Amino acid sequence: MRKAHDLIGLPVITVESGKQVGQVKDLLLDATWHIQGIALETKHWFSSLRYIPWEEIVAAGSDAVTIPNDSVIREPEQAEGLYALLEGSQKIKGLPVVTVGGQQLGMVEDVYLEQEWGKQIVGYELSEGFISDLKEGRRWLPMPESATKGEDAIIVPVHCTQDLEELFVSKEE
């Protein structure tokens, strides 16, 4: 599995010309938790935020994202109905994950993707806050069979309380 944050900041380069057209600024997700594209941060001062549909990406490697040419870059209006991972009014990072039974499991810090940069989100990295992260570590929640992104929270089934796993512990033993 790979963390979505590993993509953020990578240069986006065209295969056709070898030109860097920007950097990955964010991931765009649909309501079924599939990545639909990447938001592109350009190097120019007066450029608006643009995005690249996921199916137009040639490869998402550890050092760069490659696209065939700059004709695959789209305007933001064409990304209607998608959620951003990090920024904007529809962002996912920072949302609480709450069970249908009303128990908060933590806040979304990152999401995990299928191996080799697949489109499907396979789990959430959850935080209970900075101090708790230092003392107890973050937790990982495998993607449940149903998860609803609401306006103020992500709602998951009650059994997800048993599915939580420790991700890492940073305290001294």
C-alpha atoms as a PDB file:
ATOM      1  CA  MET A   1       0.000   0.000   0.000  1.00  0.00           C
ATOM      2  CA  ARG A   2       1.071   3.555  -0.614  1.00  0.00           C
ATOM      3  CA  LYS A   3       0.020   6.733   1.130  1.00  0.00           C
ATOM      4  CA  ALA A   4      -1.680   9.411  -0.930  1.00  0.00           C
ATOM      5  CA  HIS A   5       0.682  12.009   0.551  1.00  0.00           C
ATOM      6  CA  ASP A   6       3.547  10.278  -1.281  1.00  0.00           C
ATOM      7  CA  LEU A   7       2.105  11.683  -4.526  1.00  0.00           C
ATOM      8  CA  ILE A   8       1.696  15.252  -3.270  1.00  0.00           C
ATOM      9  CA  GLY A   9       4.508  17.510  -4.462  1.00  0.00           C
ATOM     10  CA  LEU A  10       5.781  15.195  -7.205  1.00  0.00           C
ATOM     11  CA  PRO A  11       6.612  16.908 -10.501  1.00  0.00           C
ATOM     12  CA  VAL A  12       4.258  16.226 -13.422  1.00  0.00           C
ATOM     13  CA  ILE A  13       6.206  15.709 -16.641  1.00  0.00           C
ATOM     14  CA  THR A  14       5.035  15.173 -20.220  1.00  0.00           C
ATOM     15  CA  VAL A  15       6.426  12.101 -21.960  1.00  0.00           C
ATOM     16  CA  GLU A  16       6.177  13.837 -25.342  1.00  0.00           C
ATOM     17  CA  SER A  17       8.471  16.789 -24.546  1.00  0.00           C
ATOM     18  CA  GLY A  18       9.999  16.050 -21.141  1.00  0.00           C
ATOM     19  CA  LYS A  19       8.609  19.384 -19.909  1.00  0.00           C
ATOM     20  CA  GLN A  20       7.448  19.772 -16.318  1.00  0.00           C
ATOM     21  CA  VAL A  21       3.914  21.196 -16.363  1.00  0.00           C
ATOM     22  CA  GLY A  22       3.531  21.532 -12.595  1.00  0.00           C
ATOM     23  CA  GLN A  23       3.397  19.524  -9.387  1.00  0.00           C
ATOM     24  CA  VAL A  24       0.759  17.318  -7.797  1.00  0.00           C
ATOM     25  CA  LYS A  25      -1.155  19.565  -5.398  1.00  0.00           C
ATOM     26  CA  ASP A  26      -4.026  17.272  -4.395  1.00  0.00           C
ATOM     27  CA  LEU A  27      -5.971  14.125  -5.256  1.00  0.00           C
ATOM     28  CA  LEU A  28      -9.560  14.262  -6.489  1.00  0.00           C
ATOM     29  CA  LEU A  29     -11.916  11.473  -5.358  1.00  0.00           C
ATOM     30  CA  ASP A  30     -15.451  10.491  -6.294  1.00  0.00           C
ATOM     31  CA  ALA A  31     -18.252   9.362  -3.982  1.00  0.00           C
ATOM     32  CA  THR A  32     -17.174   5.697  -4.325  1.00  0.00           C
ATOM     33  CA  TRP A  33     -13.682   6.474  -2.963  1.00  0.00           C
ATOM     34  CA  HIS A  34     -11.922   6.079  -6.320  1.00  0.00           C
ATOM     35  CA  ILE A  35      -9.279   8.562  -7.426  1.00  0.00           C
ATOM     36  CA  GLN A  36     -10.534  10.418 -10.465  1.00  0.00           C
ATOM     37  CA  GLY A  37      -7.591  12.757 -10.971  1.00  0.00           C
ATOM     38  CA  ILE A  38      -4.857  14.929  -9.585  1.00  0.00           C
ATOM     39  CA  ALA A  39      -4.987  18.660  -8.992  1.00  0.00           C
ATOM     40  CA  LEU A  40      -2.036  20.348 -10.606  1.00  0.00           C
ATOM     41  CA  GLU A  41      -0.112  23.228  -9.077  1.00  0.00           C
ATOM     42  CA  THR A  42       1.523  25.142 -11.880  1.00  0.00           C
ATOM     43  CA  LYS A  43       4.785  27.063 -11.841  1.00  0.00           C
ATOM     44  CA  HIS A  44       3.183  30.218 -13.252  1.00  0.00           C
ATOM     45  CA  TRP A  45       1.859  33.029 -11.038  1.00  0.00           C
ATOM     46  CA  PHE A  46      -1.324  33.733 -12.979  1.00  0.00           C
ATOM     47  CA  SER A  47      -2.396  30.180 -13.831  1.00  0.00           C
ATOM     48  CA  SER A  48      -5.552  28.816 -12.270  1.00  0.00           C
ATOM     49  CA  LEU A  49      -5.640  25.432 -10.597  1.00  0.00           C
ATOM     50  CA  ARG A  50      -6.072  22.664 -13.180  1.00  0.00           C
ATOM     51  CA  TYR A  51      -6.435  18.918 -12.981  1.00  0.00           C
ATOM     52  CA  ILE A  52      -5.506  15.753 -14.861  1.00  0.00           C
ATOM     53  CA  PRO A  53      -7.952  12.826 -15.072  1.00  0.00           C
ATOM     54  CA  TRP A  54      -6.453   9.641 -13.566  1.00  0.00           C
ATOM     55  CA  GLU A  55      -6.954   7.643 -16.772  1.00  0.00           C
ATOM     56  CA  GLU A  56      -4.723  10.155 -18.625  1.00  0.00           C
ATOM     57  CA  ILE A  57      -1.745   9.496 -16.319  1.00  0.00           C
ATOM     58  CA  VAL A  58       0.912   7.300 -17.916  1.00  0.00           C
ATOM     59  CA  ALA A  59       2.621   6.481 -14.610  1.00  0.00           C
ATOM     60  CA  ALA A  60       2.821   7.623 -10.996  1.00  0.00           C
ATOM     61  CA  GLY A  61       6.338   6.720  -9.946  1.00  0.00           C
ATOM     62  CA  SER A  62       8.227   7.430  -6.757  1.00  0.00           C
ATOM     63  CA  ASP A  63       9.932  10.495  -8.276  1.00  0.00           C
ATOM     64  CA  ALA A  64       7.470  11.898 -10.831  1.00  0.00           C
ATOM     65  CA  VAL A  65       4.053  11.593 -12.429  1.00  0.00           C
ATOM     66  CA  THR A  66       4.116  11.301 -16.211  1.00  0.00           C
ATOM     67  CA  ILE A  67       1.409  12.265 -18.690  1.00  0.00           C
ATOM     68  CA  PRO A  68       1.443  11.875 -22.492  1.00  0.00           C
ATOM     69  CA  ASN A  69       1.327  15.639 -23.238  1.00  0.00           C
ATOM     70  CA  ASP A  70      -0.217  18.830 -21.864  1.00  0.00           C
ATOM     71  CA  SER A  71      -3.456  18.366 -23.845  1.00  0.00           C
ATOM     72  CA  VAL A  72      -4.720  16.049 -21.046  1.00  0.00           C
ATOM     73  CA  ILE A  73      -4.791  18.938 -18.528  1.00  0.00           C
ATOM     74  CA  ARG A  74      -8.367  20.041 -17.754  1.00  0.00           C
ATOM     75  CA  GLU A  75      -9.945  23.146 -16.257  1.00  0.00           C
ATOM     76  CA  PRO A  76     -11.399  22.989 -12.698  1.00  0.00           C
ATOM     77  CA  GLU A  77     -15.012  23.240 -13.915  1.00  0.00           C
ATOM     78  CA  GLN A  78     -14.604  19.785 -15.448  1.00  0.00           C
ATOM     79  CA  ALA A  79     -13.935  18.334 -11.975  1.00  0.00           C
ATOM     80  CA  GLU A  80     -17.451  19.044 -10.615  1.00  0.00           C
ATOM     81  CA  GLY A  81     -18.727  16.521  -8.069  1.00  0.00           C
ATOM     82  CA  LEU A  82     -15.263  15.421  -6.938  1.00  0.00           C
ATOM     83  CA  TYR A  83     -13.782  15.720  -3.452  1.00  0.00           C
ATOM     84  CA  ALA A  84     -10.246  16.885  -2.729  1.00  0.00           C
ATOM     85  CA  LEU A  85      -8.090  15.084  -0.209  1.00  0.00           C
ATOM     86  CA  LEU A  86      -6.286  18.116   1.227  1.00  0.00           C
ATOM     87  CA  GLU A  87      -7.907  21.407   0.263  1.00  0.00           C
ATOM     88  CA  GLY A  88     -11.161  23.171  -0.523  1.00  0.00           C
ATOM     89  CA  SER A  89     -14.653  23.088   0.891  1.00  0.00           C
ATOM     90  CA  GLN A  90     -15.093  19.383   0.032  1.00  0.00           C
ATOM     91  CA  LYS A  91     -11.773  18.179   1.487  1.00  0.00           C
ATOM     92  CA  ILE A  92     -11.445  14.831   3.249  1.00  0.00           C
ATOM     93  CA  LYS A  93      -8.349  15.417   5.408  1.00  0.00           C
ATOM     94  CA  GLY A  94      -9.369  16.541   8.869  1.00  0.00           C
ATOM     95  CA  LEU A  95     -12.872  15.088   8.728  1.00  0.00           C
ATOM     96  CA  PRO A  96     -13.855  12.942  11.710  1.00  0.00           C
ATOM     97  CA  VAL A  97     -14.644   9.283  11.014  1.00  0.00           C
ATOM     98  CA  VAL A  98     -17.750   8.401  13.013  1.00  0.00           C
ATOM     99  CA  THR A  99     -19.584   5.088  13.255  1.00  0.00           C
ATOM    100  CA  VAL A 100     -23.319   4.840  12.634  1.00  0.00           C
ATOM    101  CA  GLY A 101     -23.498   4.215  16.400  1.00  0.00           C
ATOM    102  CA  GLY A 102     -22.014   7.651  17.121  1.00  0.00           C
ATOM    103  CA  GLN A 103     -18.442   6.717  18.131  1.00  0.00           C
ATOM    104  CA  GLN A 104     -15.669   8.883  16.683  1.00  0.00           C
ATOM    105  CA  LEU A 105     -12.696   6.780  15.561  1.00  0.00           C
ATOM    106  CA  GLY A 106     -10.355   9.660  14.732  1.00  0.00           C
ATOM    107  CA  MET A 107      -9.701  12.312  12.097  1.00  0.00           C
ATOM    108  CA  VAL A 108      -8.525  11.521   8.563  1.00  0.00           C
ATOM    109  CA  GLU A 109      -4.824  12.359   8.174  1.00  0.00           C
ATOM    110  CA  ASP A 110      -4.182  10.447   4.960  1.00  0.00           C
ATOM    111  CA  VAL A 111      -5.578   7.681   2.799  1.00  0.00           C
ATOM    112  CA  TYR A 112      -3.908   4.547   1.484  1.00  0.00           C
ATOM    113  CA  LEU A 113      -4.060   3.421  -2.124  1.00  0.00           C
ATOM    114  CA  GLU A 114      -3.800   0.033  -3.771  1.00  0.00           C
ATOM    115  CA  GLN A 115      -0.248  -1.105  -4.473  1.00  0.00           C
ATOM    116  CA  GLU A 116       1.293   0.411  -7.623  1.00  0.00           C
ATOM    117  CA  TRP A 117      -0.874   3.544  -7.382  1.00  0.00           C
ATOM    118  CA  GLY A 118      -4.240   1.945  -7.964  1.00  0.00           C
ATOM    119  CA  LYS A 119      -7.352   4.118  -8.061  1.00  0.00           C
ATOM    120  CA  GLN A 120      -9.138   2.576  -5.089  1.00  0.00           C
ATOM    121  CA  ILE A 121      -8.736   3.906  -1.550  1.00  0.00           C
ATOM    122  CA  VAL A 122      -8.032   0.872   0.674  1.00  0.00           C
ATOM    123  CA  GLY A 123      -7.884   2.531   4.077  1.00  0.00           C
ATOM    124  CA  TYR A 124      -7.683   5.654   6.213  1.00  0.00           C
ATOM    125  CA  GLU A 125      -4.859   6.842   8.426  1.00  0.00           C
ATOM    126  CA  LEU A 126      -6.568   8.255  11.509  1.00  0.00           C
ATOM    127  CA  SER A 127      -5.281  10.655  14.133  1.00  0.00           C
ATOM    128  CA  GLU A 128      -6.710  11.591  17.503  1.00  0.00           C
ATOM    129  CA  GLY A 129      -4.548  14.711  17.695  1.00  0.00           C
ATOM    130  CA  PHE A 130      -0.874  15.620  17.946  1.00  0.00           C
ATOM    131  CA  ILE A 131      -0.336  14.591  21.579  1.00  0.00           C
ATOM    132  CA  SER A 132      -2.171  11.305  21.110  1.00  0.00           C
ATOM    133  CA  ASP A 133      -0.142  10.629  17.925  1.00  0.00           C
ATOM    134  CA  LEU A 134       3.081  11.073  19.908  1.00  0.00           C
ATOM    135  CA  LYS A 135       1.959   8.970  22.870  1.00  0.00           C
ATOM    136  CA  GLU A 136      -0.050   6.229  21.181  1.00  0.00           C
ATOM    137  CA  GLY A 137       0.565   6.566  17.444  1.00  0.00           C
ATOM    138  CA  ARG A 138      -1.906   6.803  14.612  1.00  0.00           C
ATOM    139  CA  ARG A 139      -4.342   4.110  13.606  1.00  0.00           C
ATOM    140  CA  TRP A 140      -5.259   2.519  10.314  1.00  0.00           C
ATOM    141  CA  LEU A 141      -8.816   1.684   9.319  1.00  0.00           C
ATOM    142  CA  PRO A 142      -9.231  -0.647   6.339  1.00  0.00           C
ATOM    143  CA  MET A 143     -11.811   0.723   3.919  1.00  0.00           C
ATOM    144  CA  PRO A 144     -15.199  -0.597   5.059  1.00  0.00           C
ATOM    145  CA  GLU A 145     -17.781  -1.981   2.628  1.00  0.00           C
ATOM    146  CA  SER A 146     -19.659   1.291   3.040  1.00  0.00           C
ATOM    147  CA  ALA A 147     -18.419   4.734   3.957  1.00  0.00           C
ATOM    148  CA  THR A 148     -20.360   7.933   3.381  1.00  0.00           C
ATOM    149  CA  LYS A 149     -18.615  11.267   3.030  1.00  0.00           C
ATOM    150  CA  GLY A 150     -20.977  13.740   4.582  1.00  0.00           C
ATOM    151  CA  GLU A 151     -20.693  17.472   4.926  1.00  0.00           C
ATOM    152  CA  ASP A 152     -19.041  17.328   8.352  1.00  0.00           C
ATOM    153  CA  ALA A 153     -17.976  13.687   8.853  1.00  0.00           C
ATOM    154  CA  ILE A 154     -17.333  10.342   7.218  1.00  0.00           C
ATOM    155  CA  ILE A 155     -19.854   7.767   8.428  1.00  0.00           C
ATOM    156  CA  VAL A 156     -18.799   4.098   8.680  1.00  0.00           C
ATOM    157  CA  PRO A 157     -20.459   0.915  10.027  1.00  0.00           C
ATOM    158  CA  VAL A 158     -20.327   0.180  13.787  1.00  0.00           C
ATOM    159  CA  HIS A 159     -18.068  -2.887  13.344  1.00  0.00           C
ATOM    160  CA  CYS A 160     -15.232  -0.588  12.219  1.00  0.00           C
ATOM    161  CA  THR A 161     -14.325  -0.072  15.893  1.00  0.00           C
ATOM    162  CA  GLN A 162     -12.940  -3.651  15.863  1.00  0.00           C
ATOM    163  CA  ASP A 163     -11.167  -3.141  12.502  1.00  0.00           C
ATOM    164  CA  LEU A 164      -8.861  -0.353  13.742  1.00  0.00           C
ATOM    165  CA  GLU A 165      -5.167  -1.257  13.784  1.00  0.00           C
ATOM    166  CA  GLU A 166      -2.181   0.546  15.274  1.00  0.00           C
ATOM    167  CA  LEU A 167      -0.139   2.151  12.531  1.00  0.00           C
ATOM    168  CA  PHE A 168       2.947   3.107  14.477  1.00  0.00           C
ATOM    169  CA  VAL A 169       3.895   3.980  18.011  1.00  0.00           C
ATOM    170  CA  SER A 170       6.391   6.753  18.509  1.00  0.00           C
ATOM    171  CA  LYS A 171       6.791   6.562  22.304  1.00  0.00           C
ATOM    172  CA  GLU A 172       9.856   5.040  23.955  1.00  0.00           C
ATOM    173  CA  GLU A 173       9.311   1.622  25.457  1.00  0.00           C
END
